[in-house]
């Protein structure tokens, strides 16, 4: 699917599911990342896991050269997870409006809810987006 065809999403796009998983390692902790002194999973690692699940939900619907970027997230950290915890994230595509795609995302350790969020991602043409970002960086650096 090209960016020109965004308003004609294929059947199955809304409701599509994606999954991502990880085992918390010592380097994934808040203490290892300088965010306090607790050896529990760093919240930014949970955000990355949520993004991976959302991307996995919809990537199959896009042609090469089309990607998405996160533009908003409403997030609740319910509990934390220790080193060695096996975390599973699931994301379901719940809405699409133009280039914006919304997801419900959850992370569990077994049956225990660790975090939940609604996430918005924007559909972008990879080359155009990267070129615009590089140009903005050059312009602002002068």
C-alpha atoms as a PDB file:
ATOM      1  CA  UNK A   1       0.000   0.000   0.000  1.00  0.00           C
ATOM      2  CA  UNK A   2       1.375   3.392  -0.945  1.00  0.00           C
ATOM      3  CA  UNK A   3       0.756   6.631   0.912  1.00  0.00           C
ATOM      4  CA  UNK A   4      -1.646   7.613  -1.897  1.00  0.00           C
ATOM      5  CA  UNK A   5      -3.872   4.663  -0.950  1.00  0.00           C
ATOM      6  CA  UNK A   6      -4.037   5.384   2.788  1.00  0.00           C
ATOM      7  CA  UNK A   7      -7.772   6.097   2.873  1.00  0.00           C
ATOM      8  CA  UNK A   8      -8.491   2.693   1.306  1.00  0.00           C
ATOM      9  CA  UNK A   9      -7.061   0.375   3.957  1.00  0.00           C
ATOM     10  CA  UNK A  10      -7.490  -3.322   3.233  1.00  0.00           C
ATOM     11  CA  UNK A  11      -9.894  -5.563   5.084  1.00  0.00           C
ATOM     12  CA  UNK A  12      -8.365  -6.796   8.319  1.00  0.00           C
ATOM     13  CA  UNK A  13      -6.337  -3.643   8.964  1.00  0.00           C
ATOM     14  CA  UNK A  14      -8.637  -2.489  11.766  1.00  0.00           C
ATOM     15  CA  UNK A  15      -8.484  -5.279  14.319  1.00  0.00           C
ATOM     16  CA  UNK A  16      -5.043  -6.473  13.211  1.00  0.00           C
ATOM     17  CA  UNK A  17      -2.959  -7.870  16.070  1.00  0.00           C
ATOM     18  CA  UNK A  18       0.771  -7.680  16.661  1.00  0.00           C
ATOM     19  CA  UNK A  19       2.986  -9.206  19.306  1.00  0.00           C
ATOM     20  CA  UNK A  20       6.445  -8.656  20.757  1.00  0.00           C
ATOM     21  CA  UNK A  21       8.213 -10.295  23.668  1.00  0.00           C
ATOM     22  CA  UNK A  22      11.382  -9.979  25.706  1.00  0.00           C
ATOM     23  CA  UNK A  23      13.159 -11.207  28.791  1.00  0.00           C
ATOM     24  CA  UNK A  24      14.286  -8.409  31.107  1.00  0.00           C
ATOM     25  CA  UNK A  25      18.102  -8.323  31.236  1.00  0.00           C
ATOM     26  CA  UNK A  26      20.318  -6.409  33.681  1.00  0.00           C
ATOM     27  CA  UNK A  27      20.954  -3.742  31.012  1.00  0.00           C
ATOM     28  CA  UNK A  28      17.181  -3.150  30.664  1.00  0.00           C
ATOM     29  CA  UNK A  29      16.819  -1.877  34.226  1.00  0.00           C
ATOM     30  CA  UNK A  30      16.266   1.631  35.490  1.00  0.00           C
ATOM     31  CA  UNK A  31      19.500   1.421  37.497  1.00  0.00           C
ATOM     32  CA  UNK A  32      21.545   0.388  34.460  1.00  0.00           C
ATOM     33  CA  UNK A  33      20.117   3.312  32.476  1.00  0.00           C
ATOM     34  CA  UNK A  34      20.728   5.902  35.203  1.00  0.00           C
ATOM     35  CA  UNK A  35      17.026   6.339  35.944  1.00  0.00           C
ATOM     36  CA  UNK A  36      17.106   5.804  39.698  1.00  0.00           C
ATOM     37  CA  UNK A  37      18.642   2.933  41.596  1.00  0.00           C
ATOM     38  CA  UNK A  38      16.071   0.150  41.219  1.00  0.00           C
ATOM     39  CA  UNK A  39      16.913  -3.005  39.297  1.00  0.00           C
ATOM     40  CA  UNK A  40      13.485  -3.248  37.646  1.00  0.00           C
ATOM     41  CA  UNK A  41      12.650  -2.858  33.961  1.00  0.00           C
ATOM     42  CA  UNK A  42      13.141   0.699  32.750  1.00  0.00           C
ATOM     43  CA  UNK A  43       9.876   2.281  31.564  1.00  0.00           C
ATOM     44  CA  UNK A  44      11.467   3.302  28.250  1.00  0.00           C
ATOM     45  CA  UNK A  45      12.099  -0.387  27.539  1.00  0.00           C
ATOM     46  CA  UNK A  46       8.369  -1.035  28.031  1.00  0.00           C
ATOM     47  CA  UNK A  47       7.538   1.780  25.597  1.00  0.00           C
ATOM     48  CA  UNK A  48       9.867   0.235  23.000  1.00  0.00           C
ATOM     49  CA  UNK A  49       8.227  -3.163  23.467  1.00  0.00           C
ATOM     50  CA  UNK A  50       4.795  -1.568  22.940  1.00  0.00           C
ATOM     51  CA  UNK A  51       5.989   0.139  19.761  1.00  0.00           C
ATOM     52  CA  UNK A  52       7.355  -3.145  18.439  1.00  0.00           C
ATOM     53  CA  UNK A  53       3.996  -4.847  18.956  1.00  0.00           C
ATOM     54  CA  UNK A  54       2.118  -2.019  17.190  1.00  0.00           C
ATOM     55  CA  UNK A  55       4.494  -2.121  14.228  1.00  0.00           C
ATOM     56  CA  UNK A  56       4.107  -5.887  14.012  1.00  0.00           C
ATOM     57  CA  UNK A  57       0.320  -5.492  13.855  1.00  0.00           C
ATOM     58  CA  UNK A  58       0.273  -3.499  10.613  1.00  0.00           C
ATOM     59  CA  UNK A  59       3.590  -3.861   8.775  1.00  0.00           C
ATOM     60  CA  UNK A  60       2.252  -6.585   6.487  1.00  0.00           C
ATOM     61  CA  UNK A  61      -0.269  -4.130   5.043  1.00  0.00           C
ATOM     62  CA  UNK A  62       2.350  -1.721   3.659  1.00  0.00           C
ATOM     63  CA  UNK A  63       4.560  -1.815   0.592  1.00  0.00           C
ATOM     64  CA  UNK A  64       8.305  -1.445   0.903  1.00  0.00           C
ATOM     65  CA  UNK A  65       9.146   2.167   1.634  1.00  0.00           C
ATOM     66  CA  UNK A  66       6.137   2.825   3.880  1.00  0.00           C
ATOM     67  CA  UNK A  67       6.676   2.951   7.623  1.00  0.00           C
ATOM     68  CA  UNK A  68       5.147   4.439  10.768  1.00  0.00           C
ATOM     69  CA  UNK A  69       6.368   6.681  13.563  1.00  0.00           C
ATOM     70  CA  UNK A  70       4.934   7.100  17.043  1.00  0.00           C
ATOM     71  CA  UNK A  71       3.257  10.471  17.533  1.00  0.00           C
ATOM     72  CA  UNK A  72       1.350  10.011  20.808  1.00  0.00           C
ATOM     73  CA  UNK A  73       0.967   7.593  23.666  1.00  0.00           C
ATOM     74  CA  UNK A  74      -1.329   7.610  26.688  1.00  0.00           C
ATOM     75  CA  UNK A  75       0.396   5.208  29.040  1.00  0.00           C
ATOM     76  CA  UNK A  76      -0.183   3.607  32.419  1.00  0.00           C
ATOM     77  CA  UNK A  77       2.542   1.660  34.191  1.00  0.00           C
ATOM     78  CA  UNK A  78       0.606  -0.753  36.402  1.00  0.00           C
ATOM     79  CA  UNK A  79       3.508  -2.563  38.067  1.00  0.00           C
ATOM     80  CA  UNK A  80       7.142  -3.310  37.408  1.00  0.00           C
ATOM     81  CA  UNK A  81       9.106  -6.377  36.398  1.00  0.00           C
ATOM     82  CA  UNK A  82      12.376  -7.772  37.684  1.00  0.00           C
ATOM     83  CA  UNK A  83      15.424  -9.091  35.862  1.00  0.00           C
ATOM     84  CA  UNK A  84      14.518 -12.385  34.211  1.00  0.00           C
ATOM     85  CA  UNK A  85      10.825 -11.527  33.776  1.00  0.00           C
ATOM     86  CA  UNK A  86       9.321 -12.734  30.493  1.00  0.00           C
ATOM     87  CA  UNK A  87       7.190  -9.932  29.056  1.00  0.00           C
ATOM     88  CA  UNK A  88       4.661 -10.254  26.244  1.00  0.00           C
ATOM     89  CA  UNK A  89       3.188  -7.224  24.489  1.00  0.00           C
ATOM     90  CA  UNK A  90       0.128  -7.273  22.282  1.00  0.00           C
ATOM     91  CA  UNK A  91      -1.207  -4.447  20.150  1.00  0.00           C
ATOM     92  CA  UNK A  92      -4.509  -4.214  18.333  1.00  0.00           C
ATOM     93  CA  UNK A  93      -5.178  -1.664  15.610  1.00  0.00           C
ATOM     94  CA  UNK A  94      -8.422   0.033  16.664  1.00  0.00           C
ATOM     95  CA  UNK A  95      -8.813   3.008  14.312  1.00  0.00           C
ATOM     96  CA  UNK A  96      -7.382   4.784  11.293  1.00  0.00           C
ATOM     97  CA  UNK A  97      -8.000   8.364  10.204  1.00  0.00           C
ATOM     98  CA  UNK A  98      -5.943   9.486   7.230  1.00  0.00           C
ATOM     99  CA  UNK A  99      -2.301   8.902   8.094  1.00  0.00           C
ATOM    100  CA  UNK A 100      -3.002   8.335  11.810  1.00  0.00           C
ATOM    101  CA  UNK A 101      -3.409   4.808  13.164  1.00  0.00           C
ATOM    102  CA  UNK A 102      -4.485   4.063  16.760  1.00  0.00           C
ATOM    103  CA  UNK A 103      -3.727   0.997  18.880  1.00  0.00           C
ATOM    104  CA  UNK A 104      -4.591  -0.511  22.232  1.00  0.00           C
ATOM    105  CA  UNK A 105      -1.428  -2.034  23.680  1.00  0.00           C
ATOM    106  CA  UNK A 106      -0.824  -4.163  26.773  1.00  0.00           C
ATOM    107  CA  UNK A 107       2.198  -5.820  28.344  1.00  0.00           C
ATOM    108  CA  UNK A 108       1.860  -8.857  30.571  1.00  0.00           C
ATOM    109  CA  UNK A 109       4.201 -10.960  32.656  1.00  0.00           C
ATOM    110  CA  UNK A 110       2.249 -14.194  32.626  1.00  0.00           C
ATOM    111  CA  UNK A 111      -1.249 -13.155  33.702  1.00  0.00           C
ATOM    112  CA  UNK A 112      -0.051 -10.014  35.492  1.00  0.00           C
ATOM    113  CA  UNK A 113      -0.675  -6.716  33.667  1.00  0.00           C
ATOM    114  CA  UNK A 114       2.517  -4.634  33.681  1.00  0.00           C
ATOM    115  CA  UNK A 115       1.533  -1.685  31.451  1.00  0.00           C
ATOM    116  CA  UNK A 116      -1.190  -0.559  29.079  1.00  0.00           C
ATOM    117  CA  UNK A 117      -1.488   2.254  26.579  1.00  0.00           C
ATOM    118  CA  UNK A 118      -3.243   3.752  23.643  1.00  0.00           C
ATOM    119  CA  UNK A 119      -0.743   4.612  20.971  1.00  0.00           C
ATOM    120  CA  UNK A 120      -0.997   6.694  17.805  1.00  0.00           C
ATOM    121  CA  UNK A 121       1.361   6.091  14.904  1.00  0.00           C
ATOM    122  CA  UNK A 122       1.576   8.117  11.697  1.00  0.00           C
ATOM    123  CA  UNK A 123       2.055   6.451   8.323  1.00  0.00           C
ATOM    124  CA  UNK A 124       5.024   7.935   6.440  1.00  0.00           C
ATOM    125  CA  UNK A 125       6.935   7.402   3.235  1.00  0.00           C
ATOM    126  CA  UNK A 126      10.352   6.336   4.547  1.00  0.00           C
ATOM    127  CA  UNK A 127      12.525   8.222   2.007  1.00  0.00           C
ATOM    128  CA  UNK A 128      10.508  11.443   2.147  1.00  0.00           C
ATOM    129  CA  UNK A 129      10.384  11.384   5.942  1.00  0.00           C
ATOM    130  CA  UNK A 130      14.130  10.765   6.325  1.00  0.00           C
ATOM    131  CA  UNK A 131      14.993  13.439   3.747  1.00  0.00           C
ATOM    132  CA  UNK A 132      12.746  15.989   5.474  1.00  0.00           C
ATOM    133  CA  UNK A 133      14.231  15.113   8.880  1.00  0.00           C
ATOM    134  CA  UNK A 134      17.803  15.438   7.568  1.00  0.00           C
ATOM    135  CA  UNK A 135      16.986  18.782   5.919  1.00  0.00           C
ATOM    136  CA  UNK A 136      15.423  20.111   9.127  1.00  0.00           C
ATOM    137  CA  UNK A 137      18.497  19.047  11.107  1.00  0.00           C
ATOM    138  CA  UNK A 138      20.832  20.790   8.657  1.00  0.00           C
ATOM    139  CA  UNK A 139      18.714  23.943   8.608  1.00  0.00           C
ATOM    140  CA  UNK A 140      18.497  24.145  12.402  1.00  0.00           C
ATOM    141  CA  UNK A 141      22.235  23.462  12.842  1.00  0.00           C
ATOM    142  CA  UNK A 142      23.170  26.655  10.960  1.00  0.00           C
END
